[in-house]
Protein backbone atom coordinates (compact mmCIF):
# COMPACT_ATOMS: atom_id res chain seq x y z
CA MET A 1 8.07 43.27 52.25
CA LYS A 2 11.78 42.76 51.63
CA LYS A 3 13.85 45.23 49.66
CA ALA A 4 14.84 44.08 46.17
CA PRO A 5 18.58 43.66 45.57
CA VAL A 6 20.52 46.03 43.32
CA LEU A 7 22.05 44.01 40.49
CA PRO A 8 25.36 44.66 38.71
CA ILE A 9 25.00 46.78 35.57
CA ARG A 10 26.45 45.19 32.45
CA LEU A 11 28.10 47.62 30.04
CA TYR A 12 28.79 47.43 26.32
CA GLY A 13 31.49 44.86 25.64
CA ASP A 14 30.50 42.52 28.48
CA PRO A 15 30.34 39.00 26.99
CA VAL A 16 27.11 38.19 28.85
CA LEU A 17 25.34 40.71 26.59
CA ARG A 18 26.03 38.45 23.61
CA GLN A 19 24.27 35.45 25.17
CA SER A 20 20.85 34.46 23.90
CA ALA A 21 17.96 35.01 26.28
CA VAL A 22 15.81 32.10 27.39
CA ALA A 23 12.04 32.13 27.08
CA VAL A 24 10.08 32.90 30.24
CA ARG A 25 6.86 31.03 30.76
CA PRO A 26 4.58 33.12 32.98
CA PRO A 27 3.40 32.84 35.65
CA ASP A 28 6.84 32.15 37.13
CA PRO A 29 6.97 33.35 40.76
CA LYS A 30 10.62 34.39 40.31
CA LEU A 31 9.65 36.80 37.52
CA HIS A 32 8.13 39.29 39.98
CA ASP A 33 11.33 39.24 42.09
CA LEU A 34 13.47 39.81 39.00
CA ALA A 35 11.31 42.74 37.87
CA ALA A 36 11.59 44.31 41.34
CA ALA A 37 15.39 43.87 41.30
CA LEU A 38 15.63 45.44 37.83
CA GLU A 39 13.56 48.41 38.99
CA ALA A 40 15.69 48.82 42.14
CA THR A 41 18.86 48.69 40.04
CA MET A 42 17.55 51.30 37.61
CA ASN A 43 16.50 53.62 40.44
CA GLU A 44 19.82 53.24 42.29
CA ALA A 45 21.71 54.17 39.10
CA GLU A 46 19.31 57.07 38.46
CA GLY A 47 18.46 55.44 35.15
CA VAL A 48 15.44 56.10 33.00
CA GLY A 49 14.95 52.71 31.37
CA LEU A 50 16.18 49.21 30.71
CA ALA A 51 17.35 47.45 27.56
CA ALA A 52 16.99 43.75 26.88
CA PRO A 53 17.41 41.35 23.98
């Protein structure tokens, strides 16, 4: 099993946070990889949760 990448953390004021999200139609195989990357990012930053639109 490969290790999930750590993603950049977007902070308040970053323009990407104002973009509308796109709908995800499960079961998308990439969704599992994205969830693993989000979890790895949260753990690396010693975070306790994630926020999303």
